[in-house]
Amino acid sequence: MKNALKVALVALVVVVVGAGVMVRSCLSAINEAEADTRAFFQTIVDQGSQVAYDQTSDYFKEVTTFEDFDGFVQEVGMSDFTDFQSSGYAVSTADGLSTKTVNGAIMFNDGASIDIYFDWVKVGEEWKVLGFGAAAE
């Protein structure tokens, strides 16, 4: 009986520890996605839209010219960017292609914000911008 209780207790500890590791891993992925998105916008502010555009995926560059990207940056007023706050996150893998979508809001120094989704694609070991747009209301 004591051995059965010991085995059950060890199994419970393994399950609890495993669940904790899984939750920590998920939170880490969410924080990484939010940090990647925030860093992309900060690159626009600190280094300019050309540097940020150069960091996007080849697919993004195929469907979005630099002129269109820069026009968006100017129109939205990204030079006034202060923060990005995530409100949701999803990851998918299909046909060997890993993508993640981050939903959230871009914050500006005048207090305004824009709800946005941001799609990323894994290229080698690096996540690159796949696309983004206004979040559906």
N, C-alpha and C. Protein backbone atom coordinates (compact mmCIF):
# COMPACT_ATOMS: atom_id res chain seq x y z
N MET A 1 0.82 -1.20 0.00
CA MET A 1 0.00 0.00 0.00
C MET A 1 0.86 1.27 0.00
N LYS A 2 1.92 1.26 0.85
CA LYS A 2 2.79 2.42 0.91
C LYS A 2 3.49 2.64 -0.43
N ASN A 3 3.89 1.57 -1.09
CA ASN A 3 4.54 1.69 -2.39
C ASN A 3 3.60 2.28 -3.42
N ALA A 4 2.32 1.88 -3.39
CA ALA A 4 1.34 2.42 -4.32
C ALA A 4 1.14 3.91 -4.09
N LEU A 5 1.13 4.33 -2.82
CA LEU A 5 0.98 5.75 -2.50
C LEU A 5 2.21 6.53 -2.96
N LYS A 6 3.39 5.95 -2.78
CA LYS A 6 4.62 6.61 -3.24
C LYS A 6 4.60 6.78 -4.76
N VAL A 7 4.21 5.73 -5.47
CA VAL A 7 4.14 5.80 -6.93
C VAL A 7 3.14 6.85 -7.36
N ALA A 8 1.97 6.87 -6.70
CA ALA A 8 0.94 7.86 -7.04
C ALA A 8 1.44 9.27 -6.76
N LEU A 9 2.13 9.46 -5.63
CA LEU A 9 2.65 10.78 -5.28
C LEU A 9 3.71 11.23 -6.29
N VAL A 10 4.61 10.33 -6.67
CA VAL A 10 5.63 10.66 -7.67
C VAL A 10 4.98 11.00 -9.00
N ALA A 11 3.96 10.24 -9.40
CA ALA A 11 3.26 10.51 -10.65
C ALA A 11 2.60 11.88 -10.60
N LEU A 12 2.00 12.23 -9.48
CA LEU A 12 1.35 13.53 -9.33
C LEU A 12 2.38 14.65 -9.44
N VAL A 13 3.53 14.49 -8.80
CA VAL A 13 4.58 15.50 -8.87
C VAL A 13 5.07 15.66 -10.31
N VAL A 14 5.24 14.55 -11.01
CA VAL A 14 5.68 14.61 -12.40
C VAL A 14 4.66 15.37 -13.25
N VAL A 15 3.38 15.09 -13.04
CA VAL A 15 2.33 15.78 -13.80
C VAL A 15 2.33 17.27 -13.48
N VAL A 16 2.41 17.63 -12.22
CA VAL A 16 2.40 19.04 -11.82
C VAL A 16 3.63 19.77 -12.37
N VAL A 17 4.80 19.17 -12.25
CA VAL A 17 6.02 19.78 -12.77
C VAL A 17 5.94 19.92 -14.29
N GLY A 18 5.46 18.87 -14.96
CA GLY A 18 5.31 18.91 -16.42
C GLY A 18 4.37 20.01 -16.86
N ALA A 19 3.25 20.15 -16.14
CA ALA A 19 2.28 21.20 -16.47
C ALA A 19 2.91 22.58 -16.26
N GLY A 20 3.70 22.72 -15.19
CA GLY A 20 4.36 23.99 -14.93
C GLY A 20 5.35 24.35 -16.02
N VAL A 21 6.11 23.36 -16.48
CA VAL A 21 7.06 23.59 -17.57
C VAL A 21 6.32 23.98 -18.84
N MET A 22 5.19 23.32 -19.12
CA MET A 22 4.42 23.62 -20.32
C MET A 22 3.86 25.04 -20.26
N VAL A 23 3.33 25.43 -19.11
CA VAL A 23 2.79 26.79 -18.95
C VAL A 23 3.91 27.81 -19.11
N ARG A 24 5.06 27.55 -18.50
CA ARG A 24 6.19 28.47 -18.61
C ARG A 24 6.64 28.60 -20.05
N SER A 25 6.66 27.48 -20.77
CA SER A 25 7.04 27.50 -22.18
C SER A 25 6.07 28.33 -23.01
N CYS A 26 4.77 28.16 -22.76
CA CYS A 26 3.75 28.94 -23.49
C CYS A 26 3.88 30.42 -23.18
N LEU A 27 4.06 30.76 -21.91
CA LEU A 27 4.21 32.16 -21.53
C LEU A 27 5.47 32.75 -22.15
N SER A 28 6.53 31.96 -22.20
CA SER A 28 7.76 32.42 -22.82
C SER A 28 7.54 32.71 -24.30
N ALA A 29 6.81 31.84 -25.00
CA ALA A 29 6.53 32.04 -26.43
C ALA A 29 5.68 33.30 -26.63
N ILE A 30 4.70 33.51 -25.77
CA ILE A 30 3.85 34.71 -25.87
C ILE A 30 4.70 35.95 -25.64
N ASN A 31 5.52 35.94 -24.60
CA ASN A 31 6.38 37.09 -24.31
C ASN A 31 7.35 37.35 -25.45
N GLU A 32 7.89 36.27 -26.04
CA GLU A 32 8.81 36.42 -27.17
C GLU A 32 8.11 37.04 -28.37
N ALA A 33 6.90 36.59 -28.66
CA ALA A 33 6.14 37.13 -29.79
C ALA A 33 5.83 38.61 -29.58
N GLU A 34 5.45 38.96 -28.37
CA GLU A 34 5.16 40.36 -28.06
C GLU A 34 6.44 41.18 -28.16
N ALA A 35 7.54 40.66 -27.65
CA ALA A 35 8.82 41.37 -27.70
C ALA A 35 9.31 41.54 -29.13
N ASP A 36 9.13 40.50 -29.97
CA ASP A 36 9.53 40.61 -31.38
C ASP A 36 8.74 41.71 -32.08
N THR A 37 7.45 41.76 -31.81
CA THR A 37 6.59 42.76 -32.44
C THR A 37 6.96 44.17 -31.97
N ARG A 38 7.16 44.31 -30.67
CA ARG A 38 7.56 45.60 -30.11
C ARG A 38 8.91 46.03 -30.72
N ALA A 39 9.85 45.10 -30.83
CA ALA A 39 11.18 45.42 -31.37
C ALA A 39 11.09 45.85 -32.83
N PHE A 40 10.19 45.23 -33.61
CA PHE A 40 10.03 45.62 -35.00
C PHE A 40 9.59 47.08 -35.10
N PHE A 41 8.59 47.46 -34.30
CA PHE A 41 8.13 48.85 -34.33
C PHE A 41 9.22 49.79 -33.82
N GLN A 42 9.97 49.37 -32.81
CA GLN A 42 11.04 50.21 -32.29
C GLN A 42 12.14 50.39 -33.32
N THR A 43 12.38 49.37 -34.15
CA THR A 43 13.36 49.49 -35.24
C THR A 43 12.94 50.61 -36.19
N ILE A 44 11.65 50.69 -36.48
CA ILE A 44 11.16 51.77 -37.36
C ILE A 44 11.51 53.13 -36.75
N VAL A 45 11.27 53.28 -35.45
CA VAL A 45 11.52 54.55 -34.76
C VAL A 45 13.02 54.85 -34.71
N ASP A 46 13.82 53.86 -34.31
CA ASP A 46 15.24 54.09 -34.06
C ASP A 46 16.11 54.10 -35.32
N GLN A 47 15.76 53.23 -36.30
CA GLN A 47 16.65 53.05 -37.44
C GLN A 47 16.00 53.36 -38.78
N GLY A 48 14.70 53.59 -38.78
CA GLY A 48 14.02 53.97 -40.00
C GLY A 48 13.27 52.82 -40.66
N SER A 49 12.37 53.19 -41.54
CA SER A 49 11.51 52.19 -42.18
C SER A 49 12.28 51.28 -43.14
N GLN A 50 13.37 51.75 -43.74
CA GLN A 50 14.13 50.89 -44.66
C GLN A 50 14.76 49.72 -43.90
N VAL A 51 15.34 49.98 -42.74
CA VAL A 51 15.95 48.91 -41.95
C VAL A 51 14.89 47.91 -41.52
N ALA A 52 13.74 48.40 -41.07
CA ALA A 52 12.65 47.51 -40.67
C ALA A 52 12.15 46.69 -41.86
N TYR A 53 11.98 47.33 -42.99
CA TYR A 53 11.52 46.63 -44.20
C TYR A 53 12.51 45.54 -44.59
N ASP A 54 13.80 45.81 -44.48
CA ASP A 54 14.82 44.83 -44.83
C ASP A 54 14.76 43.60 -43.92
N GLN A 55 14.18 43.73 -42.74
CA GLN A 55 14.08 42.62 -41.79
C GLN A 55 12.83 41.76 -42.02
N THR A 56 11.98 42.13 -42.97
CA THR A 56 10.76 41.37 -43.21
C THR A 56 11.05 40.15 -44.08
N SER A 57 10.08 39.25 -44.16
CA SER A 57 10.24 38.02 -44.95
C SER A 57 10.21 38.33 -46.44
N ASP A 58 10.74 37.41 -47.22
CA ASP A 58 10.72 37.57 -48.67
C ASP A 58 9.28 37.66 -49.19
N TYR A 59 8.37 36.88 -48.58
CA TYR A 59 6.97 36.94 -49.01
C TYR A 59 6.40 38.35 -48.80
N PHE A 60 6.67 38.94 -47.65
CA PHE A 60 6.19 40.29 -47.38
C PHE A 60 6.70 41.25 -48.45
N LYS A 61 7.97 41.11 -48.80
CA LYS A 61 8.56 41.99 -49.81
C LYS A 61 7.98 41.74 -51.20
N GLU A 62 7.55 40.51 -51.46
CA GLU A 62 6.93 40.21 -52.76
C GLU A 62 5.58 40.91 -52.92
N VAL A 63 4.84 41.06 -51.83
CA VAL A 63 3.49 41.62 -51.92
C VAL A 63 3.40 43.07 -51.44
N THR A 64 4.48 43.57 -50.83
CA THR A 64 4.47 44.94 -50.30
C THR A 64 5.75 45.64 -50.73
N THR A 65 5.62 46.68 -51.53
CA THR A 65 6.80 47.45 -51.92
C THR A 65 7.29 48.27 -50.74
N PHE A 66 8.54 48.67 -50.80
CA PHE A 66 9.06 49.54 -49.75
C PHE A 66 8.26 50.84 -49.71
N GLU A 67 7.90 51.36 -50.87
CA GLU A 67 7.15 52.62 -50.93
C GLU A 67 5.81 52.48 -50.20
N ASP A 68 5.11 51.35 -50.39
CA ASP A 68 3.84 51.14 -49.69
C ASP A 68 4.07 51.01 -48.18
N PHE A 69 5.11 50.27 -47.80
CA PHE A 69 5.43 50.11 -46.38
C PHE A 69 5.76 51.45 -45.76
N ASP A 70 6.62 52.22 -46.41
CA ASP A 70 7.01 53.52 -45.89
C ASP A 70 5.81 54.47 -45.83
N GLY A 71 4.94 54.38 -46.82
CA GLY A 71 3.71 55.19 -46.79
C GLY A 71 2.86 54.87 -45.58
N PHE A 72 2.74 53.58 -45.25
CA PHE A 72 2.01 53.17 -44.05
C PHE A 72 2.67 53.75 -42.80
N VAL A 73 4.00 53.62 -42.73
CA VAL A 73 4.74 54.12 -41.57
C VAL A 73 4.49 55.61 -41.37
N GLN A 74 4.52 56.37 -42.47
CA GLN A 74 4.31 57.81 -42.40
C GLN A 74 2.86 58.14 -42.04
N GLU A 75 1.92 57.45 -42.69
CA GLU A 75 0.49 57.73 -42.47
C GLU A 75 0.06 57.45 -41.03
N VAL A 76 0.56 56.35 -40.48
CA VAL A 76 0.18 55.97 -39.12
C VAL A 76 0.93 56.81 -38.09
N GLY A 77 2.06 57.36 -38.47
CA GLY A 77 2.84 58.16 -37.53
C GLY A 77 3.68 57.30 -36.60
N MET A 78 4.34 56.29 -37.18
CA MET A 78 5.10 55.35 -36.35
C MET A 78 6.25 56.02 -35.59
N SER A 79 6.64 57.21 -35.98
CA SER A 79 7.70 57.89 -35.23
C SER A 79 7.23 58.23 -33.81
N ASP A 80 5.91 58.20 -33.58
CA ASP A 80 5.34 58.48 -32.27
C ASP A 80 5.02 57.20 -31.49
N PHE A 81 5.48 56.05 -31.99
CA PHE A 81 5.26 54.77 -31.32
C PHE A 81 5.90 54.77 -29.93
N THR A 82 5.16 54.24 -28.94
CA THR A 82 5.72 54.12 -27.60
C THR A 82 5.71 52.68 -27.09
N ASP A 83 4.73 51.86 -27.52
CA ASP A 83 4.67 50.50 -26.99
C ASP A 83 3.74 49.63 -27.82
N PHE A 84 3.85 48.34 -27.62
CA PHE A 84 2.92 47.36 -28.19
C PHE A 84 2.47 46.46 -27.06
N GLN A 85 1.15 46.30 -26.91
CA GLN A 85 0.58 45.44 -25.89
C GLN A 85 -0.17 44.30 -26.56
N SER A 86 0.25 43.08 -26.28
CA SER A 86 -0.38 41.90 -26.88
C SER A 86 -1.68 41.56 -26.17
N SER A 87 -2.67 41.11 -26.96
CA SER A 87 -3.93 40.66 -26.38
C SER A 87 -4.28 39.24 -26.81
N GLY A 88 -3.42 38.62 -27.62
CA GLY A 88 -3.67 37.26 -28.05
C GLY A 88 -2.53 36.74 -28.89
N TYR A 89 -2.47 35.41 -29.01
CA TYR A 89 -1.32 34.79 -29.65
C TYR A 89 -1.73 33.41 -30.16
N ALA A 90 -1.27 33.05 -31.34
CA ALA A 90 -1.54 31.72 -31.89
C ALA A 90 -0.34 31.28 -32.71
N VAL A 91 -0.05 29.98 -32.68
CA VAL A 91 1.05 29.40 -33.45
C VAL A 91 0.50 28.27 -34.28
N SER A 92 1.01 28.12 -35.49
CA SER A 92 0.61 26.97 -36.31
C SER A 92 1.80 26.49 -37.12
N THR A 93 1.76 25.21 -37.45
CA THR A 93 2.77 24.60 -38.30
C THR A 93 2.06 23.75 -39.32
N ALA A 94 2.31 24.01 -40.58
CA ALA A 94 1.71 23.23 -41.66
C ALA A 94 2.74 23.10 -42.78
N ASP A 95 2.85 21.93 -43.30
CA ASP A 95 3.79 21.67 -44.40
C ASP A 95 5.20 22.16 -44.08
N GLY A 96 5.61 22.00 -42.83
CA GLY A 96 6.95 22.38 -42.42
C GLY A 96 7.15 23.87 -42.23
N LEU A 97 6.09 24.66 -42.33
CA LEU A 97 6.17 26.12 -42.19
C LEU A 97 5.56 26.52 -40.85
N SER A 98 6.32 27.19 -40.01
CA SER A 98 5.83 27.65 -38.71
C SER A 98 5.46 29.12 -38.80
N THR A 99 4.27 29.46 -38.32
CA THR A 99 3.83 30.85 -38.28
C THR A 99 3.27 31.15 -36.89
N LYS A 100 3.27 32.42 -36.56
CA LYS A 100 2.63 32.86 -35.32
C LYS A 100 1.91 34.17 -35.60
N THR A 101 0.80 34.35 -34.95
CA THR A 101 0.02 35.58 -35.07
C THR A 101 -0.09 36.20 -33.69
N VAL A 102 0.19 37.48 -33.62
CA VAL A 102 0.08 38.24 -32.39
C VAL A 102 -0.97 39.31 -32.61
N ASN A 103 -1.94 39.36 -31.71
CA ASN A 103 -2.95 40.42 -31.73
C ASN A 103 -2.64 41.40 -30.61
N GLY A 104 -2.91 42.65 -30.84
CA GLY A 104 -2.65 43.62 -29.79
C GLY A 104 -2.91 45.04 -30.25
N ALA A 105 -2.30 45.97 -29.55
CA ALA A 105 -2.51 47.39 -29.85
C ALA A 105 -1.16 48.11 -29.88
N ILE A 106 -0.99 48.93 -30.90
CA ILE A 106 0.15 49.83 -30.99
C ILE A 106 -0.22 51.08 -30.20
N MET A 107 0.64 51.52 -29.31
CA MET A 107 0.39 52.71 -28.49
C MET A 107 1.28 53.85 -28.98
N PHE A 108 0.72 55.05 -28.95
CA PHE A 108 1.44 56.23 -29.39
C PHE A 108 1.57 57.23 -28.25
N ASN A 109 2.53 58.15 -28.37
CA ASN A 109 2.81 59.07 -27.27
C ASN A 109 1.69 60.06 -26.98
N ASP A 110 0.72 60.20 -27.87
CA ASP A 110 -0.42 61.08 -27.59
C ASP A 110 -1.57 60.34 -26.91
N GLY A 111 -1.34 59.05 -26.57
CA GLY A 111 -2.37 58.25 -25.90
C GLY A 111 -3.24 57.45 -26.86
N ALA A 112 -3.13 57.71 -28.15
CA ALA A 112 -3.92 56.97 -29.14
C ALA A 112 -3.37 55.55 -29.27
N SER A 113 -4.22 54.65 -29.79
CA SER A 113 -3.77 53.27 -30.04
C SER A 113 -4.50 52.74 -31.27
N ILE A 114 -3.89 51.75 -31.90
CA ILE A 114 -4.47 51.08 -33.06
C ILE A 114 -4.44 49.58 -32.79
N ASP A 115 -5.60 48.92 -32.88
CA ASP A 115 -5.64 47.47 -32.76
C ASP A 115 -5.09 46.86 -34.04
N ILE A 116 -4.23 45.86 -33.89
CA ILE A 116 -3.52 45.31 -35.03
C ILE A 116 -3.28 43.81 -34.82
N TYR A 117 -3.16 43.09 -35.93
CA TYR A 117 -2.65 41.72 -35.87
C TYR A 117 -1.31 41.72 -36.60
N PHE A 118 -0.45 40.84 -36.20
CA PHE A 118 0.89 40.78 -36.75
C PHE A 118 1.22 39.32 -37.00
N ASP A 119 1.49 38.95 -38.25
CA ASP A 119 1.83 37.58 -38.61
C ASP A 119 3.34 37.47 -38.81
N TRP A 120 3.91 36.39 -38.25
CA TRP A 120 5.33 36.10 -38.36
C TRP A 120 5.51 34.74 -39.00
N VAL A 121 6.62 34.53 -39.69
CA VAL A 121 6.97 33.23 -40.27
C VAL A 121 8.40 32.91 -39.85
N LYS A 122 8.63 31.64 -39.53
CA LYS A 122 9.97 31.23 -39.12
C LYS A 122 10.80 30.92 -40.36
N VAL A 123 11.91 31.63 -40.49
CA VAL A 123 12.84 31.45 -41.60
C VAL A 123 14.16 31.03 -40.98
N GLY A 124 14.51 29.75 -41.13
CA GLY A 124 15.69 29.23 -40.44
C GLY A 124 15.43 29.26 -38.95
N GLU A 125 16.25 29.95 -38.21
CA GLU A 125 16.09 30.08 -36.75
C GLU A 125 15.47 31.43 -36.36
N GLU A 126 15.11 32.22 -37.34
CA GLU A 126 14.67 33.59 -37.10
C GLU A 126 13.21 33.78 -37.49
N TRP A 127 12.48 34.57 -36.70
CA TRP A 127 11.11 34.94 -37.05
C TRP A 127 11.16 36.23 -37.85
N LYS A 128 10.44 36.25 -38.98
CA LYS A 128 10.39 37.44 -39.85
C LYS A 128 8.93 37.83 -40.08
N VAL A 129 8.73 39.11 -40.34
CA VAL A 129 7.37 39.62 -40.59
C VAL A 129 6.80 39.00 -41.86
N LEU A 130 5.61 38.44 -41.72
CA LEU A 130 4.89 37.87 -42.85
C LEU A 130 3.82 38.85 -43.34
N GLY A 131 3.21 39.55 -42.41
CA GLY A 131 2.18 40.54 -42.75
C GLY A 131 1.55 41.10 -41.50
N PHE A 132 0.77 42.16 -41.65
CA PHE A 132 0.07 42.75 -40.53
C PHE A 132 -1.05 43.61 -41.06
N GLY A 133 -1.95 43.97 -40.20
CA GLY A 133 -3.05 44.84 -40.59
C GLY A 133 -3.92 45.19 -39.41
N ALA A 134 -4.91 46.01 -39.66
CA ALA A 134 -5.84 46.41 -38.62
C ALA A 134 -6.64 45.22 -38.16
N ALA A 135 -6.79 45.07 -36.86
CA ALA A 135 -7.57 43.97 -36.31
C ALA A 135 -9.04 44.19 -36.59
N ALA A 136 -9.75 43.11 -36.87
CA ALA A 136 -11.20 43.21 -37.11
C ALA A 136 -11.89 43.57 -35.82
N GLU A 137 -12.87 44.43 -35.92
CA GLU A 137 -13.60 44.84 -34.72
C GLU A 137 -14.79 43.97 -34.48
